[in-house]
N, C-alpha and C. Protein backbone atom coordinates (compact mmCIF):
# COMPACT_ATOMS: atom_id res chain seq x y z
N MET A 1 -14.69 3.82 -3.30
CA MET A 1 -13.98 3.49 -2.13
C MET A 1 -13.46 4.75 -1.47
N SER A 2 -13.61 4.91 -0.16
CA SER A 2 -13.16 6.06 0.56
C SER A 2 -11.63 6.03 0.71
N ALA A 3 -11.08 7.16 1.14
CA ALA A 3 -9.65 7.28 1.27
C ALA A 3 -9.13 6.27 2.37
N LEU A 4 -9.92 6.18 3.46
CA LEU A 4 -9.52 5.25 4.51
C LEU A 4 -9.58 3.79 4.06
N GLU A 5 -10.61 3.48 3.23
CA GLU A 5 -10.71 2.13 2.69
C GLU A 5 -9.58 1.85 1.72
N THR A 6 -9.20 2.80 0.95
CA THR A 6 -8.06 2.67 0.07
C THR A 6 -6.75 2.37 0.79
N VAL A 7 -6.56 3.02 1.89
CA VAL A 7 -5.34 2.81 2.75
C VAL A 7 -5.43 1.41 3.34
N ALA A 8 -6.56 1.00 3.78
CA ALA A 8 -6.77 -0.30 4.42
C ALA A 8 -6.50 -1.42 3.37
N VAL A 9 -7.06 -1.23 2.12
CA VAL A 9 -6.84 -2.20 1.08
C VAL A 9 -5.37 -2.31 0.74
N ALA A 10 -4.70 -1.17 0.57
CA ALA A 10 -3.28 -1.17 0.26
C ALA A 10 -2.46 -1.94 1.28
N PHE A 11 -2.72 -1.64 2.58
CA PHE A 11 -1.98 -2.33 3.61
C PHE A 11 -2.27 -3.84 3.56
N TRP A 12 -3.55 -4.17 3.50
CA TRP A 12 -3.99 -5.56 3.44
C TRP A 12 -3.32 -6.34 2.29
N LEU A 13 -3.36 -5.79 1.12
CA LEU A 13 -2.83 -6.40 -0.07
C LEU A 13 -1.32 -6.63 0.07
N MET A 14 -0.65 -5.72 0.73
CA MET A 14 0.80 -5.89 0.85
C MET A 14 1.32 -6.72 2.02
N LEU A 15 0.41 -7.10 2.92
CA LEU A 15 0.89 -7.92 4.08
C LEU A 15 1.64 -9.16 3.67
N PRO A 16 1.19 -9.95 2.65
CA PRO A 16 1.97 -11.07 2.26
C PRO A 16 3.40 -10.75 1.72
N ALA A 17 3.61 -9.47 1.24
CA ALA A 17 4.88 -9.02 0.77
C ALA A 17 5.67 -8.35 1.89
N TYR A 18 4.96 -7.75 2.85
CA TYR A 18 5.67 -7.13 3.99
C TYR A 18 6.34 -8.08 4.92
N ILE A 19 5.73 -9.20 5.12
CA ILE A 19 6.18 -10.14 6.18
C ILE A 19 7.36 -11.01 5.78
N PRO A 20 7.63 -11.39 4.57
CA PRO A 20 8.68 -12.32 4.22
C PRO A 20 10.09 -11.92 4.67
N ASN A 21 10.50 -10.64 4.44
CA ASN A 21 11.86 -10.25 4.80
C ASN A 21 12.02 -10.17 6.31
N ASN A 22 10.94 -9.77 6.97
CA ASN A 22 11.01 -9.80 8.49
C ASN A 22 11.19 -11.23 9.01
N THR A 23 10.49 -12.08 8.43
CA THR A 23 10.55 -13.51 8.78
C THR A 23 11.90 -14.07 8.53
N ALA A 24 12.48 -13.67 7.33
CA ALA A 24 13.83 -14.17 6.97
C ALA A 24 14.90 -13.69 7.98
N VAL A 25 14.72 -12.47 8.54
CA VAL A 25 15.68 -12.02 9.55
C VAL A 25 15.55 -12.88 10.82
N VAL A 26 14.38 -13.19 11.24
CA VAL A 26 14.16 -13.95 12.46
C VAL A 26 14.60 -15.35 12.31
N PHE A 27 14.22 -16.03 11.16
CA PHE A 27 14.50 -17.47 10.98
C PHE A 27 15.64 -17.77 10.00
N GLY A 28 16.38 -16.78 9.63
CA GLY A 28 17.47 -16.95 8.67
C GLY A 28 18.67 -17.61 9.30
N GLY A 29 19.79 -17.57 8.58
CA GLY A 29 20.99 -18.18 8.99
C GLY A 29 21.20 -19.43 8.13
N GLY A 30 22.41 -20.03 8.29
CA GLY A 30 22.70 -21.20 7.52
C GLY A 30 23.38 -20.85 6.22
N ARG A 31 23.14 -21.75 5.25
CA ARG A 31 23.88 -21.63 3.97
C ARG A 31 23.39 -20.48 3.16
N PRO A 32 24.31 -19.62 2.70
CA PRO A 32 23.95 -18.51 1.87
C PRO A 32 23.43 -18.98 0.49
N VAL A 33 22.49 -18.18 -0.05
CA VAL A 33 21.95 -18.48 -1.37
C VAL A 33 23.06 -18.46 -2.44
N ASP A 34 24.03 -17.57 -2.35
CA ASP A 34 25.10 -17.45 -3.37
C ASP A 34 26.21 -18.50 -3.13
N MET A 35 26.07 -19.26 -2.08
CA MET A 35 27.04 -20.36 -1.75
C MET A 35 28.48 -19.89 -1.69
N GLY A 36 28.62 -18.58 -1.36
CA GLY A 36 29.96 -18.00 -1.20
C GLY A 36 30.59 -17.56 -2.48
N ARG A 37 29.88 -17.68 -3.56
CA ARG A 37 30.43 -17.29 -4.86
C ARG A 37 30.64 -15.80 -4.99
N GLU A 38 31.62 -15.45 -5.85
CA GLU A 38 31.94 -14.05 -6.07
C GLU A 38 31.77 -13.72 -7.54
N TRP A 39 31.59 -12.44 -7.77
CA TRP A 39 31.52 -11.95 -9.24
C TRP A 39 32.37 -10.74 -9.17
N ASN A 40 33.43 -10.69 -10.00
CA ASN A 40 34.35 -9.61 -10.11
C ASN A 40 34.93 -9.25 -8.70
N GLY A 41 35.22 -10.27 -7.93
CA GLY A 41 35.94 -10.04 -6.64
C GLY A 41 35.04 -9.68 -5.45
N THR A 42 33.71 -9.64 -5.66
CA THR A 42 32.84 -9.40 -4.51
C THR A 42 31.74 -10.48 -4.45
N ARG A 43 31.24 -10.71 -3.32
CA ARG A 43 30.12 -11.72 -3.16
C ARG A 43 28.96 -11.38 -4.05
N VAL A 44 28.30 -12.37 -4.58
CA VAL A 44 27.12 -12.18 -5.44
C VAL A 44 26.06 -11.53 -4.64
N LEU A 45 25.70 -12.13 -3.47
CA LEU A 45 24.61 -11.58 -2.60
C LEU A 45 25.13 -11.30 -1.20
N GLY A 46 25.94 -12.19 -0.64
CA GLY A 46 26.47 -12.06 0.73
C GLY A 46 25.81 -12.99 1.72
N ASP A 47 26.32 -13.03 2.86
CA ASP A 47 25.91 -13.97 3.92
C ASP A 47 24.47 -13.65 4.43
N GLY A 48 23.97 -12.50 4.20
CA GLY A 48 22.62 -12.19 4.72
C GLY A 48 21.50 -12.79 4.00
N LYS A 49 21.69 -13.36 2.86
CA LYS A 49 20.60 -13.97 2.06
C LYS A 49 20.86 -15.49 2.12
N THR A 50 20.00 -16.10 2.94
CA THR A 50 20.24 -17.55 3.19
C THR A 50 19.03 -18.38 2.66
N TRP A 51 19.27 -19.63 2.42
CA TRP A 51 18.17 -20.50 1.96
C TRP A 51 17.05 -20.60 3.01
N ARG A 52 17.47 -20.82 4.24
CA ARG A 52 16.48 -21.02 5.29
C ARG A 52 15.65 -19.72 5.52
N GLY A 53 16.32 -18.56 5.48
CA GLY A 53 15.60 -17.31 5.63
C GLY A 53 14.65 -17.06 4.47
N SER A 54 15.15 -17.33 3.27
CA SER A 54 14.32 -17.13 2.11
C SER A 54 13.13 -18.04 2.11
N ALA A 55 13.36 -19.32 2.34
CA ALA A 55 12.21 -20.27 2.36
C ALA A 55 11.20 -19.91 3.47
N SER A 56 11.72 -19.56 4.66
CA SER A 56 10.77 -19.24 5.75
C SER A 56 9.99 -18.03 5.38
N GLY A 57 10.60 -17.06 4.72
CA GLY A 57 9.92 -15.81 4.33
C GLY A 57 8.80 -16.07 3.30
N VAL A 58 9.06 -16.88 2.32
CA VAL A 58 8.06 -17.21 1.32
C VAL A 58 6.93 -17.94 1.94
N VAL A 59 7.22 -18.94 2.76
CA VAL A 59 6.17 -19.72 3.42
C VAL A 59 5.31 -18.84 4.37
N ALA A 60 5.99 -17.96 5.09
CA ALA A 60 5.24 -17.06 5.96
C ALA A 60 4.30 -16.14 5.21
N GLY A 61 4.78 -15.50 4.15
CA GLY A 61 3.91 -14.66 3.36
C GLY A 61 2.74 -15.41 2.77
N PHE A 62 2.98 -16.60 2.19
CA PHE A 62 1.89 -17.37 1.60
C PHE A 62 0.87 -17.79 2.65
N VAL A 63 1.35 -18.26 3.73
CA VAL A 63 0.41 -18.74 4.82
C VAL A 63 -0.31 -17.63 5.39
N LEU A 64 0.31 -16.43 5.56
CA LEU A 64 -0.38 -15.24 6.03
C LEU A 64 -1.56 -14.93 5.07
N ALA A 65 -1.35 -14.97 3.75
CA ALA A 65 -2.42 -14.72 2.84
C ALA A 65 -3.59 -15.70 2.98
N LEU A 66 -3.27 -16.96 3.23
CA LEU A 66 -4.35 -17.96 3.53
C LEU A 66 -5.10 -17.58 4.76
N PHE A 67 -4.41 -17.17 5.78
CA PHE A 67 -5.09 -16.75 7.06
C PHE A 67 -5.98 -15.48 6.82
N LEU A 68 -5.44 -14.57 6.06
CA LEU A 68 -6.22 -13.37 5.74
C LEU A 68 -7.51 -13.76 4.94
N ASN A 69 -7.37 -14.67 4.01
CA ASN A 69 -8.56 -15.14 3.33
C ASN A 69 -9.57 -15.78 4.24
N GLU A 70 -9.08 -16.53 5.18
CA GLU A 70 -9.96 -17.17 6.18
C GLU A 70 -10.66 -16.16 7.07
N ALA A 71 -9.92 -15.13 7.45
CA ALA A 71 -10.44 -14.06 8.29
C ALA A 71 -11.58 -13.35 7.48
N LEU A 72 -11.37 -13.17 6.30
CA LEU A 72 -12.38 -12.50 5.45
C LEU A 72 -13.65 -13.46 5.28
N ALA A 73 -13.35 -14.71 5.03
CA ALA A 73 -14.47 -15.67 4.88
C ALA A 73 -15.31 -15.78 6.14
N ARG A 74 -14.69 -15.67 7.26
CA ARG A 74 -15.44 -15.79 8.55
C ARG A 74 -16.04 -14.42 9.00
N GLY A 75 -15.82 -13.41 8.29
CA GLY A 75 -16.44 -12.11 8.65
C GLY A 75 -15.66 -11.37 9.74
N TYR A 76 -14.38 -11.71 9.99
CA TYR A 76 -13.64 -11.06 11.07
C TYR A 76 -13.05 -9.70 10.62
N VAL A 77 -13.09 -9.43 9.33
CA VAL A 77 -12.58 -8.20 8.75
C VAL A 77 -13.58 -7.66 7.79
N PRO A 78 -13.52 -6.34 7.49
CA PRO A 78 -14.50 -5.73 6.58
C PRO A 78 -14.59 -6.45 5.19
N GLU A 79 -15.77 -6.47 4.67
CA GLU A 79 -16.03 -7.16 3.44
C GLU A 79 -15.41 -6.45 2.22
N PHE A 80 -15.01 -5.24 2.29
CA PHE A 80 -14.47 -4.52 1.20
C PHE A 80 -13.00 -4.97 0.85
N LEU A 81 -12.43 -5.71 1.81
CA LEU A 81 -11.02 -6.16 1.65
C LEU A 81 -11.01 -7.37 0.66
N PRO A 82 -10.06 -7.38 -0.26
CA PRO A 82 -10.08 -8.52 -1.27
C PRO A 82 -9.47 -9.77 -0.76
N THR A 83 -9.78 -10.90 -1.38
CA THR A 83 -9.16 -12.12 -1.08
C THR A 83 -7.90 -12.30 -1.92
N PHE A 84 -7.07 -13.24 -1.56
CA PHE A 84 -5.82 -13.47 -2.26
C PHE A 84 -5.98 -14.72 -3.12
N ALA A 85 -5.75 -14.63 -4.40
CA ALA A 85 -5.68 -15.84 -5.26
C ALA A 85 -4.40 -16.52 -4.85
N PRO A 86 -4.40 -17.86 -4.83
CA PRO A 86 -3.20 -18.63 -4.41
C PRO A 86 -1.93 -18.22 -5.14
N LEU A 87 -1.99 -18.07 -6.48
CA LEU A 87 -0.81 -17.66 -7.19
C LEU A 87 -0.37 -16.17 -6.85
N ALA A 88 -1.37 -15.34 -6.51
CA ALA A 88 -1.03 -14.00 -6.13
C ALA A 88 -0.32 -14.03 -4.77
N ALA A 89 -0.79 -14.87 -3.85
CA ALA A 89 -0.14 -14.94 -2.54
C ALA A 89 1.26 -15.46 -2.66
N LEU A 90 1.45 -16.43 -3.55
CA LEU A 90 2.81 -16.93 -3.80
C LEU A 90 3.71 -15.82 -4.47
N GLY A 91 3.14 -15.20 -5.48
CA GLY A 91 3.89 -14.12 -6.12
C GLY A 91 4.31 -12.95 -5.23
N LEU A 92 3.41 -12.52 -4.33
CA LEU A 92 3.76 -11.48 -3.41
C LEU A 92 4.90 -11.84 -2.48
N ALA A 93 4.80 -13.05 -1.92
CA ALA A 93 5.78 -13.51 -0.95
C ALA A 93 7.16 -13.79 -1.66
N LEU A 94 7.12 -14.59 -2.73
CA LEU A 94 8.30 -14.90 -3.38
C LEU A 94 8.96 -13.70 -4.01
N GLY A 95 8.14 -12.86 -4.60
CA GLY A 95 8.67 -11.61 -5.20
C GLY A 95 9.32 -10.73 -4.18
N ALA A 96 8.78 -10.60 -2.97
CA ALA A 96 9.40 -9.76 -1.97
C ALA A 96 10.78 -10.26 -1.63
N ILE A 97 10.92 -11.59 -1.48
CA ILE A 97 12.32 -12.15 -1.25
C ILE A 97 13.24 -11.89 -2.38
N LEU A 98 12.72 -12.15 -3.59
CA LEU A 98 13.59 -11.96 -4.79
C LEU A 98 13.97 -10.49 -4.99
N GLY A 99 13.04 -9.60 -4.74
CA GLY A 99 13.31 -8.18 -4.76
C GLY A 99 14.46 -7.79 -3.81
N ASP A 100 14.36 -8.31 -2.60
CA ASP A 100 15.42 -8.02 -1.63
C ASP A 100 16.77 -8.59 -2.11
N MET A 101 16.72 -9.78 -2.70
CA MET A 101 17.96 -10.34 -3.21
C MET A 101 18.52 -9.44 -4.36
N GLY A 102 17.62 -8.96 -5.18
CA GLY A 102 18.07 -8.12 -6.24
C GLY A 102 18.69 -6.85 -5.71
N ALA A 103 18.24 -6.26 -4.62
CA ALA A 103 18.85 -5.15 -4.04
C ALA A 103 20.24 -5.48 -3.48
N SER A 104 20.34 -6.73 -2.85
CA SER A 104 21.66 -7.08 -2.36
C SER A 104 22.65 -7.24 -3.52
N PHE A 105 22.20 -7.74 -4.60
CA PHE A 105 23.06 -7.88 -5.80
C PHE A 105 23.48 -6.52 -6.27
N LEU A 106 22.54 -5.51 -6.32
CA LEU A 106 22.90 -4.16 -6.75
C LEU A 106 23.93 -3.52 -5.71
N LYS A 107 23.65 -3.80 -4.45
CA LYS A 107 24.57 -3.19 -3.34
C LYS A 107 26.00 -3.73 -3.59
N ARG A 108 26.16 -5.04 -3.87
CA ARG A 108 27.48 -5.60 -4.05
C ARG A 108 28.10 -4.97 -5.27
N ARG A 109 27.33 -4.80 -6.36
CA ARG A 109 27.85 -4.25 -7.65
C ARG A 109 28.24 -2.79 -7.47
N THR A 110 27.65 -2.09 -6.56
CA THR A 110 27.97 -0.66 -6.34
C THR A 110 28.92 -0.41 -5.21
N GLY A 111 29.53 -1.53 -4.67
CA GLY A 111 30.58 -1.43 -3.64
C GLY A 111 30.07 -1.23 -2.26
N ARG A 112 28.78 -1.37 -2.05
CA ARG A 112 28.27 -1.23 -0.67
C ARG A 112 28.41 -2.60 0.11
N GLU A 113 28.78 -2.48 1.36
CA GLU A 113 28.94 -3.65 2.20
C GLU A 113 27.56 -4.10 2.72
N ARG A 114 27.50 -5.27 3.23
CA ARG A 114 26.31 -5.82 3.89
C ARG A 114 25.83 -4.82 4.92
N GLY A 115 24.53 -4.53 4.85
CA GLY A 115 23.97 -3.62 5.88
C GLY A 115 24.09 -2.16 5.54
N ALA A 116 24.88 -1.80 4.52
CA ALA A 116 25.04 -0.44 4.18
C ALA A 116 23.77 0.14 3.60
N PRO A 117 23.42 1.39 3.92
CA PRO A 117 22.13 1.91 3.41
C PRO A 117 22.21 2.14 1.88
N PHE A 118 21.10 1.99 1.25
CA PHE A 118 20.89 2.21 -0.19
C PHE A 118 19.53 2.89 -0.35
N PRO A 119 19.46 4.28 -0.02
CA PRO A 119 18.21 4.95 0.02
C PRO A 119 17.39 4.76 -1.21
N GLY A 120 16.06 4.56 -0.98
CA GLY A 120 15.17 4.29 -2.08
C GLY A 120 15.06 2.83 -2.41
N VAL A 121 16.19 2.24 -2.68
CA VAL A 121 16.21 0.84 -3.05
C VAL A 121 15.88 0.01 -1.86
N ASP A 122 16.40 0.29 -0.68
CA ASP A 122 16.13 -0.46 0.52
C ASP A 122 14.66 -0.42 0.85
N GLN A 123 13.97 0.66 0.59
CA GLN A 123 12.58 0.76 1.02
C GLN A 123 11.61 0.15 0.03
N LEU A 124 11.95 0.04 -1.25
CA LEU A 124 10.98 -0.38 -2.27
C LEU A 124 11.41 -1.63 -3.04
N ASP A 125 12.58 -2.17 -2.79
CA ASP A 125 13.08 -3.35 -3.57
C ASP A 125 12.14 -4.52 -3.49
N PHE A 126 11.57 -4.82 -2.34
CA PHE A 126 10.63 -5.95 -2.21
C PHE A 126 9.30 -5.69 -2.83
N VAL A 127 8.87 -4.42 -2.90
CA VAL A 127 7.64 -4.07 -3.59
C VAL A 127 7.79 -4.33 -5.10
N VAL A 128 8.89 -3.85 -5.65
CA VAL A 128 9.14 -4.06 -7.09
C VAL A 128 9.19 -5.51 -7.39
N GLY A 129 9.89 -6.27 -6.58
CA GLY A 129 9.90 -7.74 -6.73
C GLY A 129 8.61 -8.40 -6.62
N ALA A 130 7.81 -8.01 -5.60
CA ALA A 130 6.53 -8.64 -5.39
C ALA A 130 5.65 -8.35 -6.59
N PHE A 131 5.61 -7.10 -7.09
CA PHE A 131 4.81 -6.83 -8.27
C PHE A 131 5.34 -7.55 -9.55
N ALA A 132 6.63 -7.61 -9.70
CA ALA A 132 7.20 -8.24 -10.87
C ALA A 132 6.90 -9.77 -10.96
N VAL A 133 6.81 -10.41 -9.81
CA VAL A 133 6.44 -11.84 -9.81
C VAL A 133 4.97 -12.04 -9.87
N THR A 134 4.25 -11.19 -9.21
CA THR A 134 2.74 -11.41 -9.10
C THR A 134 2.05 -11.11 -10.44
N VAL A 135 2.50 -10.10 -11.16
CA VAL A 135 1.84 -9.73 -12.39
C VAL A 135 1.76 -10.92 -13.39
N PRO A 136 2.87 -11.61 -13.65
CA PRO A 136 2.76 -12.75 -14.57
C PRO A 136 2.02 -13.93 -14.00
N LEU A 137 2.10 -14.12 -12.71
CA LEU A 137 1.41 -15.29 -12.03
C LEU A 137 -0.06 -15.11 -11.96
N ALA A 138 -0.56 -13.88 -11.63
CA ALA A 138 -2.02 -13.59 -11.45
C ALA A 138 -2.31 -12.20 -11.92
N PRO A 139 -2.22 -12.02 -13.25
CA PRO A 139 -2.39 -10.67 -13.83
C PRO A 139 -3.81 -10.08 -13.54
N GLY A 140 -4.86 -10.93 -13.74
CA GLY A 140 -6.20 -10.41 -13.54
C GLY A 140 -6.41 -9.97 -12.09
N TRP A 141 -5.97 -10.79 -11.15
CA TRP A 141 -6.09 -10.46 -9.73
C TRP A 141 -5.35 -9.21 -9.44
N PHE A 142 -4.12 -9.12 -9.92
CA PHE A 142 -3.27 -7.99 -9.64
C PHE A 142 -3.91 -6.68 -10.10
N PHE A 143 -4.32 -6.61 -11.33
CA PHE A 143 -4.87 -5.33 -11.86
C PHE A 143 -6.26 -5.02 -11.31
N ASP A 144 -7.01 -6.01 -10.90
CA ASP A 144 -8.29 -5.74 -10.23
C ASP A 144 -8.06 -5.20 -8.80
N SER A 145 -7.04 -5.73 -8.16
CA SER A 145 -6.71 -5.37 -6.78
C SER A 145 -5.93 -4.07 -6.61
N PHE A 146 -4.88 -3.98 -7.34
CA PHE A 146 -3.95 -2.81 -7.24
C PHE A 146 -4.44 -1.72 -8.25
N THR A 147 -5.48 -0.96 -7.86
CA THR A 147 -5.95 0.14 -8.61
C THR A 147 -4.87 1.26 -8.51
N PRO A 148 -4.98 2.27 -9.33
CA PRO A 148 -4.00 3.41 -9.27
C PRO A 148 -3.95 3.99 -7.82
N GLY A 149 -5.10 4.16 -7.21
CA GLY A 149 -5.13 4.72 -5.84
C GLY A 149 -4.41 3.85 -4.83
N VAL A 150 -4.66 2.56 -4.93
CA VAL A 150 -4.00 1.56 -4.00
C VAL A 150 -2.51 1.60 -4.29
N LEU A 151 -2.12 1.58 -5.58
CA LEU A 151 -0.66 1.66 -5.87
C LEU A 151 -0.05 2.88 -5.30
N ALA A 152 -0.67 3.99 -5.35
CA ALA A 152 -0.13 5.29 -4.83
C ALA A 152 0.04 5.15 -3.31
N VAL A 153 -0.92 4.61 -2.63
CA VAL A 153 -0.81 4.45 -1.17
C VAL A 153 0.31 3.53 -0.87
N VAL A 154 0.45 2.46 -1.57
CA VAL A 154 1.57 1.45 -1.31
C VAL A 154 2.90 2.17 -1.43
N LEU A 155 3.03 3.04 -2.45
CA LEU A 155 4.38 3.66 -2.63
C LEU A 155 4.63 4.73 -1.63
N VAL A 156 3.61 5.25 -0.95
CA VAL A 156 3.84 6.25 0.10
C VAL A 156 3.98 5.56 1.46
N ILE A 157 3.13 4.58 1.81
CA ILE A 157 3.23 4.01 3.15
C ILE A 157 4.37 2.99 3.32
N THR A 158 4.76 2.35 2.22
CA THR A 158 5.79 1.35 2.35
C THR A 158 7.13 1.87 2.90
N PRO A 159 7.64 2.98 2.37
CA PRO A 159 8.93 3.47 2.93
C PRO A 159 8.76 3.84 4.41
N VAL A 160 7.67 4.39 4.82
CA VAL A 160 7.44 4.73 6.25
C VAL A 160 7.43 3.45 7.08
N LEU A 161 6.67 2.47 6.64
CA LEU A 161 6.63 1.20 7.40
C LEU A 161 7.96 0.49 7.43
N HIS A 162 8.68 0.58 6.33
CA HIS A 162 9.97 -0.05 6.22
C HIS A 162 10.98 0.47 7.22
N VAL A 163 11.06 1.83 7.22
CA VAL A 163 11.95 2.50 8.17
C VAL A 163 11.57 2.21 9.63
N SER A 164 10.25 2.25 9.91
CA SER A 164 9.78 2.02 11.28
C SER A 164 10.08 0.61 11.76
N THR A 165 9.76 -0.41 10.93
CA THR A 165 9.95 -1.77 11.30
C THR A 165 11.40 -2.14 11.49
N ASN A 166 12.24 -1.59 10.58
CA ASN A 166 13.67 -1.86 10.67
C ASN A 166 14.26 -1.24 11.96
N PHE A 167 13.75 -0.04 12.34
CA PHE A 167 14.31 0.58 13.53
C PHE A 167 13.86 -0.29 14.75
N ILE A 168 12.59 -0.75 14.76
CA ILE A 168 12.15 -1.63 15.84
C ILE A 168 13.01 -2.91 15.91
N ALA A 169 13.27 -3.51 14.77
CA ALA A 169 14.04 -4.75 14.71
C ALA A 169 15.46 -4.49 15.22
N TYR A 170 16.01 -3.31 14.90
CA TYR A 170 17.34 -2.98 15.35
C TYR A 170 17.32 -2.79 16.92
N LYS A 171 16.34 -2.11 17.42
CA LYS A 171 16.26 -1.91 18.91
C LYS A 171 16.05 -3.23 19.58
N LEU A 172 15.38 -4.20 18.96
CA LEU A 172 15.21 -5.52 19.61
C LEU A 172 16.40 -6.42 19.46
N GLY A 173 17.41 -5.91 18.68
CA GLY A 173 18.63 -6.73 18.48
C GLY A 173 18.52 -7.74 17.34
N LEU A 174 17.48 -7.61 16.52
CA LEU A 174 17.28 -8.57 15.42
C LEU A 174 18.02 -8.13 14.14
N LYS A 175 18.46 -6.89 14.10
CA LYS A 175 19.19 -6.34 13.00
C LYS A 175 20.45 -5.61 13.49
N ASP A 176 21.48 -5.63 12.67
CA ASP A 176 22.73 -4.92 13.08
C ASP A 176 22.69 -3.41 12.77
N GLU A 177 21.72 -2.99 11.90
CA GLU A 177 21.68 -1.58 11.56
C GLU A 177 20.20 -1.13 11.49
N PRO A 178 19.88 0.13 11.73
CA PRO A 178 18.51 0.54 11.83
C PRO A 178 17.83 0.86 10.51
N TRP A 179 18.41 0.48 9.35
CA TRP A 179 17.77 0.80 8.08
C TRP A 179 17.43 -0.37 7.28
């Protein structure tokens, strides 16, 4: 696989994990996942993690993977791109949401307020979550798809994409902070 193909595969494979948290920002609101509960005097997750946002994010990531599979089957995209096993699609989307919740939990435990930056964690939390959920759900698919080269590209391009998309969402008024 050429370097350009490796980058394309990495981006393609991560799309179902990239989209859930953006969808949650757009369609979120409502009842918080932590139901207002506190742990040692601070919220467990905070108001930014809602049931509606989480559910919409998981559905969006999963449905996107189905559309990507269909685009591949119809020949709309290059044949070297892999298909998504259903459990892999679910794992990537659900894991991205859970990874983001895990980061919120860590932020609260370290005294950071909602929206406060947490360098490194903010950029890769959803990747760690996506991988952690996908590996047990679809281990063969994961290790066939995420080769060492693809993993390296994911770890390099994800922080750049994360910062860029958050800045755009901030400028569009969808986020209160640009990180």
